[in-house]
PDB file of N, CA and C in Angstrom:
ATOM      1  N   MET A   1     -10.222  -5.510   0.679  1.00  0.00           N
ATOM      2  CA  MET A   1     -10.048  -4.337  -0.147  1.00  0.00           C
ATOM      3  C   MET A   1      -9.565  -4.782  -1.527  1.00  0.00           C
ATOM      4  N   ALA A   2     -10.201  -4.269  -2.533  1.00  0.00           N
ATOM      5  CA  ALA A   2      -9.829  -4.609  -3.906  1.00  0.00           C
ATOM      6  C   ALA A   2      -8.577  -3.844  -4.320  1.00  0.00           C
ATOM      7  N   ARG A   3      -7.719  -4.507  -5.030  1.00  0.00           N
ATOM      8  CA  ARG A   3      -6.499  -3.868  -5.517  1.00  0.00           C
ATOM      9  C   ARG A   3      -6.636  -3.645  -7.006  1.00  0.00           C
ATOM     10  N   ASP A   4      -6.072  -2.536  -7.458  1.00  0.00           N
ATOM     11  CA  ASP A   4      -6.182  -2.242  -8.878  1.00  0.00           C
ATOM     12  C   ASP A   4      -5.192  -3.077  -9.685  1.00  0.00           C
ATOM     13  N   LEU A   5      -5.266  -2.942 -10.966  1.00  0.00           N
ATOM     14  CA  LEU A   5      -4.469  -3.724 -11.912  1.00  0.00           C
ATOM     15  C   LEU A   5      -2.965  -3.542 -11.704  1.00  0.00           C
ATOM     16  N   PHE A   6      -2.550  -2.386 -11.255  1.00  0.00           N
ATOM     17  CA  PHE A   6      -1.129  -2.052 -11.205  1.00  0.00           C
ATOM     18  C   PHE A   6      -0.474  -2.276  -9.846  1.00  0.00           C
ATOM     19  N   HIS A   7      -1.236  -2.666  -8.837  1.00  0.00           N
ATOM     20  CA  HIS A   7      -0.699  -2.776  -7.475  1.00  0.00           C
ATOM     21  C   HIS A   7       0.560  -3.636  -7.411  1.00  0.00           C
ATOM     22  N   ASN A   8       0.475  -4.877  -7.844  1.00  0.00           N
ATOM     23  CA  ASN A   8       1.617  -5.793  -7.739  1.00  0.00           C
ATOM     24  C   ASN A   8       2.781  -5.365  -8.626  1.00  0.00           C
ATOM     25  N   ILE A   9       2.492  -4.769  -9.762  1.00  0.00           N
ATOM     26  CA  ILE A   9       3.547  -4.301 -10.659  1.00  0.00           C
ATOM     27  C   ILE A   9       4.336  -3.173  -9.998  1.00  0.00           C
ATOM     28  N   VAL A  10       3.622  -2.219  -9.423  1.00  0.00           N
ATOM     29  CA  VAL A  10       4.287  -1.080  -8.778  1.00  0.00           C
ATOM     30  C   VAL A  10       5.049  -1.543  -7.543  1.00  0.00           C
ATOM     31  N   ARG A  11       4.431  -2.400  -6.749  1.00  0.00           N
ATOM     32  CA  ARG A  11       5.124  -2.893  -5.542  1.00  0.00           C
ATOM     33  C   ARG A  11       6.411  -3.619  -5.918  1.00  0.00           C
ATOM     34  N   SER A  12       6.344  -4.472  -6.920  1.00  0.00           N
ATOM     35  CA  SER A  12       7.524  -5.211  -7.363  1.00  0.00           C
ATOM     36  C   SER A  12       8.622  -4.259  -7.846  1.00  0.00           C
ATOM     37  N   ALA A  13       8.237  -3.245  -8.598  1.00  0.00           N
ATOM     38  CA  ALA A  13       9.214  -2.276  -9.098  1.00  0.00           C
ATOM     39  C   ALA A  13       9.875  -1.513  -7.948  1.00  0.00           C
ATOM     40  N   LEU A  14       9.094  -1.126  -6.954  1.00  0.00           N
ATOM     41  CA  LEU A  14       9.654  -0.427  -5.798  1.00  0.00           C
ATOM     42  C   LEU A  14      10.626  -1.319  -5.030  1.00  0.00           C
ATOM     43  N   GLU A  15      10.257  -2.574  -4.842  1.00  0.00           N
ATOM     44  CA  GLU A  15      11.125  -3.500  -4.119  1.00  0.00           C
ATOM     45  C   GLU A  15      12.418  -3.773  -4.887  1.00  0.00           C
ATOM     46  N   LYS A  16      12.371  -3.791  -6.196  1.00  0.00           N
ATOM     47  CA  LYS A  16      13.592  -3.963  -6.997  1.00  0.00           C
ATOM     48  C   LYS A  16      14.528  -2.773  -6.854  1.00  0.00           C
ATOM     49  N   GLU A  17      13.973  -1.618  -6.488  1.00  0.00           N
ATOM     50  CA  GLU A  17      14.777  -0.411  -6.255  1.00  0.00           C
ATOM     51  C   GLU A  17      15.151  -0.275  -4.778  1.00  0.00           C
ATOM     52  N   ASP A  18      15.039  -1.393  -4.038  1.00  0.00           N
ATOM     53  CA  ASP A  18      15.410  -1.488  -2.624  1.00  0.00           C
ATOM     54  C   ASP A  18      14.499  -0.730  -1.670  1.00  0.00           C
ATOM     55  N   TRP A  19      13.263  -0.453  -2.087  1.00  0.00           N
ATOM     56  CA  TRP A  19      12.279   0.094  -1.151  1.00  0.00           C
ATOM     57  C   TRP A  19      11.827  -1.053  -0.255  1.00  0.00           C
ATOM     58  N   VAL A  20      11.451  -0.739   0.965  1.00  0.00           N
ATOM     59  CA  VAL A  20      10.916  -1.730   1.892  1.00  0.00           C
ATOM     60  C   VAL A  20       9.448  -1.385   2.151  1.00  0.00           C
ATOM     61  N   VAL A  21       8.568  -2.267   1.750  1.00  0.00           N
ATOM     62  CA  VAL A  21       7.134  -2.073   1.969  1.00  0.00           C
ATOM     63  C   VAL A  21       6.814  -2.625   3.348  1.00  0.00           C
ATOM     64  N   THR A  22       6.416  -1.738   4.272  1.00  0.00           N
ATOM     65  CA  THR A  22       6.202  -2.159   5.653  1.00  0.00           C
ATOM     66  C   THR A  22       4.737  -2.421   5.973  1.00  0.00           C
ATOM     67  N   ASN A  23       3.832  -1.732   5.331  1.00  0.00           N
ATOM     68  CA  ASN A  23       2.404  -1.920   5.568  1.00  0.00           C
ATOM     69  C   ASN A  23       1.691  -1.918   4.225  1.00  0.00           C
ATOM     70  N   ASP A  24       1.001  -3.013   3.937  1.00  0.00           N
ATOM     71  CA  ASP A  24       0.323  -3.112   2.651  1.00  0.00           C
ATOM     72  C   ASP A  24      -1.035  -3.767   2.844  1.00  0.00           C
ATOM     73  N   PRO A  25      -2.101  -3.012   2.924  1.00  0.00           N
ATOM     74  CA  PRO A  25      -2.228  -1.558   2.795  1.00  0.00           C
ATOM     75  C   PRO A  25      -1.875  -0.850   4.106  1.00  0.00           C
ATOM     76  N   LEU A  26      -1.627   0.439   4.002  1.00  0.00           N
ATOM     77  CA  LEU A  26      -1.359   1.271   5.167  1.00  0.00           C
ATOM     78  C   LEU A  26      -2.701   1.679   5.773  1.00  0.00           C
ATOM     79  N   ASN A  27      -2.904   1.329   7.037  1.00  0.00           N
ATOM     80  CA  ASN A  27      -4.148   1.663   7.734  1.00  0.00           C
ATOM     81  C   ASN A  27      -3.916   2.876   8.620  1.00  0.00           C
ATOM     82  N   ILE A  28      -4.768   3.874   8.495  1.00  0.00           N
ATOM     83  CA  ILE A  28      -4.682   5.091   9.294  1.00  0.00           C
ATOM     84  C   ILE A  28      -6.044   5.342   9.924  1.00  0.00           C
ATOM     85  N   ARG A  29      -6.032   5.654  11.214  1.00  0.00           N
ATOM     86  CA  ARG A  29      -7.264   6.021  11.907  1.00  0.00           C
ATOM     87  C   ARG A  29      -7.085   7.445  12.406  1.00  0.00           C
ATOM     88  N   CYS A  30      -7.984   8.318  12.006  1.00  0.00           N
ATOM     89  CA  CYS A  30      -7.885   9.727  12.377  1.00  0.00           C
ATOM     90  C   CYS A  30      -9.285  10.276  12.639  1.00  0.00           C
ATOM     91  N   GLY A  31      -9.512  10.752  13.836  1.00  0.00           N
ATOM     92  CA  GLY A  31     -10.799  11.348  14.164  1.00  0.00           C
ATOM     93  C   GLY A  31     -11.969  10.394  14.005  1.00  0.00           C
ATOM     94  N   GLY A  32     -11.754   9.112  14.297  1.00  0.00           N
ATOM     95  CA  GLY A  32     -12.821   8.126  14.180  1.00  0.00           C
ATOM     96  C   GLY A  32     -13.061   7.637  12.767  1.00  0.00           C
ATOM     97  N   VAL A  33     -12.215   8.037  11.829  1.00  0.00           N
ATOM     98  CA  VAL A  33     -12.341   7.618  10.431  1.00  0.00           C
ATOM     99  C   VAL A  33     -11.197   6.657  10.106  1.00  0.00           C
ATOM    100  N   ASP A  34     -11.528   5.501   9.550  1.00  0.00           N
ATOM    101  CA  ASP A  34     -10.521   4.544   9.113  1.00  0.00           C
ATOM    102  C   ASP A  34     -10.220   4.744   7.644  1.00  0.00           C
ATOM    103  N   ILE A  35      -8.933   4.827   7.311  1.00  0.00           N
ATOM    104  CA  ILE A  35      -8.504   5.023   5.927  1.00  0.00           C
ATOM    105  C   ILE A  35      -7.485   3.929   5.594  1.00  0.00           C
ATOM    106  N   GLN A  36      -7.616   3.331   4.422  1.00  0.00           N
ATOM    107  CA  GLN A  36      -6.639   2.379   3.933  1.00  0.00           C
ATOM    108  C   GLN A  36      -6.022   2.940   2.667  1.00  0.00           C
ATOM    109  N   ILE A  37      -4.701   3.059   2.686  1.00  0.00           N
ATOM    110  CA  ILE A  37      -3.989   3.572   1.520  1.00  0.00           C
ATOM    111  C   ILE A  37      -3.292   2.398   0.864  1.00  0.00           C
ATOM    112  N   ASP A  38      -3.615   2.167  -0.382  1.00  0.00           N
ATOM    113  CA  ASP A  38      -3.094   1.026  -1.110  1.00  0.00           C
ATOM    114  C   ASP A  38      -2.084   1.490  -2.132  1.00  0.00           C
TER     115      ASP A  38
END
């Protein structure tokens, strides 16, 4: 999956604010459809 220009910048900023990134990307399967949220 391609990541946009801001992915690492936003992730780094969130982690500096003590957020914990647990799934990157977040994979969701619903009704036979796979979705990746980046």
